[in-house]
Amino acid sequence: MEDNYRDDLSIEEGIDISIRAITAAMNRDSASGGMISVVVITKDGYKEIPENDIKKHMEKIKTNN
């Protein structure tokens, strides 16, 4: 995650690198579970990302790799 972080990340880019980091950790540690939850916290508030949106991000990440 640290390799891809920039101060000017868009929310969508932040979600993508977060999912990528969590997926990598899950692949290294089978006991870490199989579910990914993502929350966006901004100055405007807290927003949970729906599971369907997380799945869309995961498919996009797989396609781009």
PDB file of N, CA and C in Angstrom:
ATOM      1  N   MET A   1       0.832  -1.184   0.000  1.00  0.00           N
ATOM      2  CA  MET A   1       0.000   0.000   0.000  1.00  0.00           C
ATOM      3  C   MET A   1       0.879   1.251   0.000  1.00  0.00           C
ATOM      4  N   GLU A   2       1.944   1.209   0.783  1.00  0.00           N
ATOM      5  CA  GLU A   2       2.823   2.378   0.885  1.00  0.00           C
ATOM      6  C   GLU A   2       3.467   2.719  -0.453  1.00  0.00           C
ATOM      7  N   ASP A   3       3.738   1.704  -1.275  1.00  0.00           N
ATOM      8  CA  ASP A   3       4.376   1.943  -2.570  1.00  0.00           C
ATOM      9  C   ASP A   3       3.489   2.726  -3.530  1.00  0.00           C
ATOM     10  N   ASN A   4       2.181   2.623  -3.353  1.00  0.00           N
ATOM     11  CA  ASN A   4       1.249   3.263  -4.281  1.00  0.00           C
ATOM     12  C   ASN A   4       0.590   4.524  -3.722  1.00  0.00           C
ATOM     13  N   TYR A   5       0.855   4.837  -2.450  1.00  0.00           N
ATOM     14  CA  TYR A   5       0.215   5.995  -1.828  1.00  0.00           C
ATOM     15  C   TYR A   5       0.798   7.302  -2.360  1.00  0.00           C
ATOM     16  N   ARG A   6      -0.089   8.269  -2.592  1.00  0.00           N
ATOM     17  CA  ARG A   6       0.283   9.647  -2.935  1.00  0.00           C
ATOM     18  C   ARG A   6      -0.688  10.554  -2.193  1.00  0.00           C
ATOM     19  N   ASP A   7      -0.249  11.756  -1.892  1.00  0.00           N
ATOM     20  CA  ASP A   7      -1.126  12.713  -1.205  1.00  0.00           C
ATOM     21  C   ASP A   7      -2.340  13.106  -2.035  1.00  0.00           C
ATOM     22  N   ASP A   8      -2.216  13.011  -3.363  1.00  0.00           N
ATOM     23  CA  ASP A   8      -3.306  13.460  -4.236  1.00  0.00           C
ATOM     24  C   ASP A   8      -4.167  12.315  -4.781  1.00  0.00           C
ATOM     25  N   LEU A   9      -4.192  11.183  -4.084  1.00  0.00           N
ATOM     26  CA  LEU A   9      -5.018  10.051  -4.526  1.00  0.00           C
ATOM     27  C   LEU A   9      -6.488  10.442  -4.578  1.00  0.00           C
ATOM     28  N   SER A  10      -7.171   9.967  -5.609  1.00  0.00           N
ATOM     29  CA  SER A  10      -8.628  10.109  -5.630  1.00  0.00           C
ATOM     30  C   SER A  10      -9.212   9.049  -4.697  1.00  0.00           C
ATOM     31  N   ILE A  11     -10.449   9.193  -4.344  1.00  0.00           N
ATOM     32  CA  ILE A  11     -11.100   8.191  -3.492  1.00  0.00           C
ATOM     33  C   ILE A  11     -11.102   6.840  -4.186  1.00  0.00           C
ATOM     34  N   GLU A  12     -11.391   6.819  -5.473  1.00  0.00           N
ATOM     35  CA  GLU A  12     -11.411   5.567  -6.231  1.00  0.00           C
ATOM     36  C   GLU A  12     -10.037   4.898  -6.228  1.00  0.00           C
ATOM     37  N   GLU A  13      -8.983   5.672  -6.406  1.00  0.00           N
ATOM     38  CA  GLU A  13      -7.625   5.116  -6.367  1.00  0.00           C
ATOM     39  C   GLU A  13      -7.302   4.589  -4.977  1.00  0.00           C
ATOM     40  N   GLY A  14      -7.724   5.296  -3.954  1.00  0.00           N
ATOM     41  CA  GLY A  14      -7.507   4.849  -2.581  1.00  0.00           C
ATOM     42  C   GLY A  14      -8.212   3.542  -2.288  1.00  0.00           C
ATOM     43  N   ILE A  15      -9.423   3.416  -2.783  1.00  0.00           N
ATOM     44  CA  ILE A  15     -10.166   2.159  -2.616  1.00  0.00           C
ATOM     45  C   ILE A  15      -9.424   1.031  -3.311  1.00  0.00           C
ATOM     46  N   ASP A  16      -8.971   1.276  -4.544  1.00  0.00           N
ATOM     47  CA  ASP A  16      -8.258   0.245  -5.298  1.00  0.00           C
ATOM     48  C   ASP A  16      -6.992  -0.217  -4.583  1.00  0.00           C
ATOM     49  N   ILE A  17      -6.154   0.720  -4.119  1.00  0.00           N
ATOM     50  CA  ILE A  17      -4.905   0.281  -3.484  1.00  0.00           C
ATOM     51  C   ILE A  17      -5.176  -0.385  -2.135  1.00  0.00           C
ATOM     52  N   SER A  18      -6.249   0.023  -1.469  1.00  0.00           N
ATOM     53  CA  SER A  18      -6.613  -0.631  -0.210  1.00  0.00           C
ATOM     54  C   SER A  18      -7.038  -2.072  -0.454  1.00  0.00           C
ATOM     55  N   ILE A  19      -7.865  -2.277  -1.447  1.00  0.00           N
ATOM     56  CA  ILE A  19      -8.318  -3.627  -1.785  1.00  0.00           C
ATOM     57  C   ILE A  19      -7.131  -4.479  -2.224  1.00  0.00           C
ATOM     58  N   ARG A  20      -6.241  -3.908  -3.027  1.00  0.00           N
ATOM     59  CA  ARG A  20      -5.046  -4.629  -3.473  1.00  0.00           C
ATOM     60  C   ARG A  20      -4.197  -5.062  -2.265  1.00  0.00           C
ATOM     61  N   ALA A  21      -4.010  -4.166  -1.307  1.00  0.00           N
ATOM     62  CA  ALA A  21      -3.201  -4.470  -0.118  1.00  0.00           C
ATOM     63  C   ALA A  21      -3.862  -5.545   0.739  1.00  0.00           C
ATOM     64  N   ILE A  22      -5.158  -5.428   0.946  1.00  0.00           N
ATOM     65  CA  ILE A  22      -5.874  -6.410   1.771  1.00  0.00           C
ATOM     66  C   ILE A  22      -5.857  -7.776   1.098  1.00  0.00           C
ATOM     67  N   THR A  23      -6.065  -7.807  -0.216  1.00  0.00           N
ATOM     68  CA  THR A  23      -6.042  -9.065  -0.966  1.00  0.00           C
ATOM     69  C   THR A  23      -4.675  -9.734  -0.858  1.00  0.00           C
ATOM     70  N   ALA A  24      -3.610  -8.949  -0.991  1.00  0.00           N
ATOM     71  CA  ALA A  24      -2.255  -9.498  -0.874  1.00  0.00           C
ATOM     72  C   ALA A  24      -2.032 -10.089   0.516  1.00  0.00           C
ATOM     73  N   ALA A  25      -2.485  -9.400   1.552  1.00  0.00           N
ATOM     74  CA  ALA A  25      -2.335  -9.896   2.922  1.00  0.00           C
ATOM     75  C   ALA A  25      -3.133 -11.184   3.123  1.00  0.00           C
ATOM     76  N   MET A  26      -4.324 -11.234   2.570  1.00  0.00           N
ATOM     77  CA  MET A  26      -5.156 -12.425   2.701  1.00  0.00           C
ATOM     78  C   MET A  26      -4.514 -13.614   1.987  1.00  0.00           C
ATOM     79  N   ASN A  27      -3.857 -13.365   0.858  1.00  0.00           N
ATOM     80  CA  ASN A  27      -3.206 -14.451   0.124  1.00  0.00           C
ATOM     81  C   ASN A  27      -2.006 -15.002   0.891  1.00  0.00           C
ATOM     82  N   ARG A  28      -1.351 -14.159   1.671  1.00  0.00           N
ATOM     83  CA  ARG A  28      -0.198 -14.604   2.466  1.00  0.00           C
ATOM     84  C   ARG A  28      -0.615 -15.297   3.759  1.00  0.00           C
ATOM     85  N   ASP A  29      -1.795 -14.981   4.271  1.00  0.00           N
ATOM     86  CA  ASP A  29      -2.242 -15.520   5.560  1.00  0.00           C
ATOM     87  C   ASP A  29      -3.652 -16.052   5.415  1.00  0.00           C
ATOM     88  N   SER A  30      -3.766 -17.348   5.230  1.00  0.00           N
ATOM     89  CA  SER A  30      -5.088 -17.954   4.986  1.00  0.00           C
ATOM     90  C   SER A  30      -6.040 -17.806   6.168  1.00  0.00           C
ATOM     91  N   ALA A  31      -5.523 -17.516   7.354  1.00  0.00           N
ATOM     92  CA  ALA A  31      -6.375 -17.367   8.535  1.00  0.00           C
ATOM     93  C   ALA A  31      -6.978 -15.970   8.641  1.00  0.00           C
ATOM     94  N   SER A  32      -6.663 -15.092   7.691  1.00  0.00           N
ATOM     95  CA  SER A  32      -7.143 -13.714   7.803  1.00  0.00           C
ATOM     96  C   SER A  32      -8.589 -13.533   7.360  1.00  0.00           C
ATOM     97  N   GLY A  33      -9.207 -14.573   6.865  1.00  0.00           N
ATOM     98  CA  GLY A  33     -10.612 -14.470   6.499  1.00  0.00           C
ATOM     99  C   GLY A  33     -10.799 -14.236   5.019  1.00  0.00           C
ATOM    100  N   GLY A  34     -12.038 -14.172   4.596  1.00  0.00           N
ATOM    101  CA  GLY A  34     -12.314 -14.053   3.183  1.00  0.00           C
ATOM    102  C   GLY A  34     -13.153 -12.858   2.818  1.00  0.00           C
ATOM    103  N   MET A  35     -13.336 -11.949   3.737  1.00  0.00           N
ATOM    104  CA  MET A  35     -14.207 -10.805   3.481  1.00  0.00           C
ATOM    105  C   MET A  35     -13.409  -9.509   3.553  1.00  0.00           C
ATOM    106  N   ILE A  36     -13.724  -8.603   2.644  1.00  0.00           N
ATOM    107  CA  ILE A  36     -13.078  -7.297   2.646  1.00  0.00           C
ATOM    108  C   ILE A  36     -14.136  -6.238   2.925  1.00  0.00           C
ATOM    109  N   SER A  37     -13.861  -5.386   3.893  1.00  0.00           N
ATOM    110  CA  SER A  37     -14.715  -4.237   4.183  1.00  0.00           C
ATOM    111  C   SER A  37     -13.888  -2.989   3.938  1.00  0.00           C
ATOM    112  N   VAL A  38     -14.496  -2.016   3.270  1.00  0.00           N
ATOM    113  CA  VAL A  38     -13.803  -0.760   2.976  1.00  0.00           C
ATOM    114  C   VAL A  38     -14.669   0.397   3.449  1.00  0.00           C
ATOM    115  N   VAL A  39     -14.022   1.335   4.113  1.00  0.00           N
ATOM    116  CA  VAL A  39     -14.697   2.535   4.593  1.00  0.00           C
ATOM    117  C   VAL A  39     -13.894   3.743   4.115  1.00  0.00           C
ATOM    118  N   VAL A  40     -14.594   4.748   3.617  1.00  0.00           N
ATOM    119  CA  VAL A  40     -13.956   6.000   3.204  1.00  0.00           C
ATOM    120  C   VAL A  40     -14.267   7.046   4.267  1.00  0.00           C
ATOM    121  N   ILE A  41     -13.221   7.666   4.783  1.00  0.00           N
ATOM    122  CA  ILE A  41     -13.390   8.710   5.785  1.00  0.00           C
ATOM    123  C   ILE A  41     -12.801   9.992   5.212  1.00  0.00           C
ATOM    124  N   THR A  42     -13.640  11.005   5.093  1.00  0.00           N
ATOM    125  CA  THR A  42     -13.207  12.308   4.600  1.00  0.00           C
ATOM    126  C   THR A  42     -13.633  13.375   5.600  1.00  0.00           C
ATOM    127  N   LYS A  43     -13.297  14.618   5.299  1.00  0.00           N
ATOM    128  CA  LYS A  43     -13.723  15.715   6.166  1.00  0.00           C
ATOM    129  C   LYS A  43     -15.245  15.835   6.192  1.00  0.00           C
ATOM    130  N   ASP A  44     -15.916  15.254   5.176  1.00  0.00           N
ATOM    131  CA  ASP A  44     -17.372  15.314   5.096  1.00  0.00           C
ATOM    132  C   ASP A  44     -18.075  14.166   5.806  1.00  0.00           C
ATOM    133  N   GLY A  45     -17.299  13.172   6.245  1.00  0.00           N
ATOM    134  CA  GLY A  45     -17.934  12.080   6.972  1.00  0.00           C
ATOM    135  C   GLY A  45     -17.381  10.710   6.641  1.00  0.00           C
ATOM    136  N   TYR A  46     -18.154   9.710   7.022  1.00  0.00           N
ATOM    137  CA  TYR A  46     -17.806   8.296   6.983  1.00  0.00           C
ATOM    138  C   TYR A  46     -18.756   7.609   6.017  1.00  0.00           C
ATOM    139  N   LYS A  47     -18.201   6.766   5.105  1.00  0.00           N
ATOM    140  CA  LYS A  47     -19.059   6.067   4.157  1.00  0.00           C
ATOM    141  C   LYS A  47     -18.552   4.649   3.975  1.00  0.00           C
ATOM    142  N   GLU A  48     -19.415   3.668   4.253  1.00  0.00           N
ATOM    143  CA  GLU A  48     -19.069   2.275   3.995  1.00  0.00           C
ATOM    144  C   GLU A  48     -19.297   1.996   2.517  1.00  0.00           C
ATOM    145  N   ILE A  49     -18.337   1.307   1.913  1.00  0.00           N
ATOM    146  CA  ILE A  49     -18.451   0.950   0.501  1.00  0.00           C
ATOM    147  C   ILE A  49     -19.229  -0.363   0.415  1.00  0.00           C
ATOM    148  N   PRO A  50     -20.319  -0.377  -0.366  1.00  0.00           N
ATOM    149  CA  PRO A  50     -21.129  -1.600  -0.470  1.00  0.00           C
ATOM    150  C   PRO A  50     -20.331  -2.767  -1.065  1.00  0.00           C
ATOM    151  N   GLU A  51     -20.684  -3.969  -0.653  1.00  0.00           N
ATOM    152  CA  GLU A  51     -19.994  -5.179  -1.102  1.00  0.00           C
ATOM    153  C   GLU A  51     -19.974  -5.283  -2.629  1.00  0.00           C
ATOM    154  N   ASN A  52     -21.062  -4.919  -3.290  1.00  0.00           N
ATOM    155  CA  ASN A  52     -21.101  -4.985  -4.761  1.00  0.00           C
ATOM    156  C   ASN A  52     -20.070  -4.052  -5.382  1.00  0.00           C
ATOM    157  N   ASP A  53     -19.877  -2.875  -4.798  1.00  0.00           N
ATOM    158  CA  ASP A  53     -18.869  -1.940  -5.311  1.00  0.00           C
ATOM    159  C   ASP A  53     -17.461  -2.480  -5.081  1.00  0.00           C
ATOM    160  N   ILE A  54     -17.244  -3.131  -3.953  1.00  0.00           N
ATOM    161  CA  ILE A  54     -15.937  -3.737  -3.681  1.00  0.00           C
ATOM    162  C   ILE A  54     -15.652  -4.817  -4.721  1.00  0.00           C
ATOM    163  N   LYS A  55     -16.644  -5.624  -5.036  1.00  0.00           N
ATOM    164  CA  LYS A  55     -16.475  -6.667  -6.054  1.00  0.00           C
ATOM    165  C   LYS A  55     -16.139  -6.055  -7.410  1.00  0.00           C
ATOM    166  N   LYS A  56     -16.769  -4.947  -7.764  1.00  0.00           N
ATOM    167  CA  LYS A  56     -16.464  -4.261  -9.027  1.00  0.00           C
ATOM    168  C   LYS A  56     -15.013  -3.775  -9.046  1.00  0.00           C
ATOM    169  N   HIS A  57     -14.564  -3.215  -7.933  1.00  0.00           N
ATOM    170  CA  HIS A  57     -13.177  -2.769  -7.829  1.00  0.00           C
ATOM    171  C   HIS A  57     -12.231  -3.958  -7.978  1.00  0.00           C
ATOM    172  N   MET A  58     -12.576  -5.084  -7.355  1.00  0.00           N
ATOM    173  CA  MET A  58     -11.726  -6.264  -7.434  1.00  0.00           C
ATOM    174  C   MET A  58     -11.631  -6.773  -8.868  1.00  0.00           C
ATOM    175  N   GLU A  59     -12.723  -6.772  -9.582  1.00  0.00           N
ATOM    176  CA  GLU A  59     -12.705  -7.197 -10.989  1.00  0.00           C
ATOM    177  C   GLU A  59     -11.861  -6.251 -11.833  1.00  0.00           C
ATOM    178  N   LYS A  60     -11.982  -4.959 -11.583  1.00  0.00           N
ATOM    179  CA  LYS A  60     -11.180  -3.970 -12.311  1.00  0.00           C
ATOM    180  C   LYS A  60      -9.693  -4.178 -12.045  1.00  0.00           C
ATOM    181  N   ILE A  61      -9.349  -4.449 -10.802  1.00  0.00           N
ATOM    182  CA  ILE A  61      -7.952  -4.681 -10.426  1.00  0.00           C
ATOM    183  C   ILE A  61      -7.420  -5.927 -11.136  1.00  0.00           C
ATOM    184  N   LYS A  62      -8.212  -7.010 -11.162  1.00  0.00           N
ATOM    185  CA  LYS A  62      -7.790  -8.237 -11.845  1.00  0.00           C
ATOM    186  C   LYS A  62      -7.576  -8.002 -13.333  1.00  0.00           C
ATOM    187  N   THR A  63      -8.436  -7.210 -13.942  1.00  0.00           N
ATOM    188  CA  THR A  63      -8.348  -6.920 -15.371  1.00  0.00           C
ATOM    189  C   THR A  63      -7.097  -6.093 -15.693  1.00  0.00           C
ATOM    190  N   ASN A  64      -6.740  -5.178 -14.804  1.00  0.00           N
ATOM    191  CA  ASN A  64      -5.592  -4.291 -15.036  1.00  0.00           C
ATOM    192  C   ASN A  64      -4.254  -4.945 -14.722  1.00  0.00           C
ATOM    193  N   ASN A  65      -4.262  -6.093 -14.056  1.00  0.00           N
ATOM    194  CA  ASN A  65      -2.982  -6.756 -13.715  1.00  0.00           C
ATOM    195  C   ASN A  65      -2.565  -7.730 -14.750  1.00  0.00           C
TER     196      ASN A  65
END
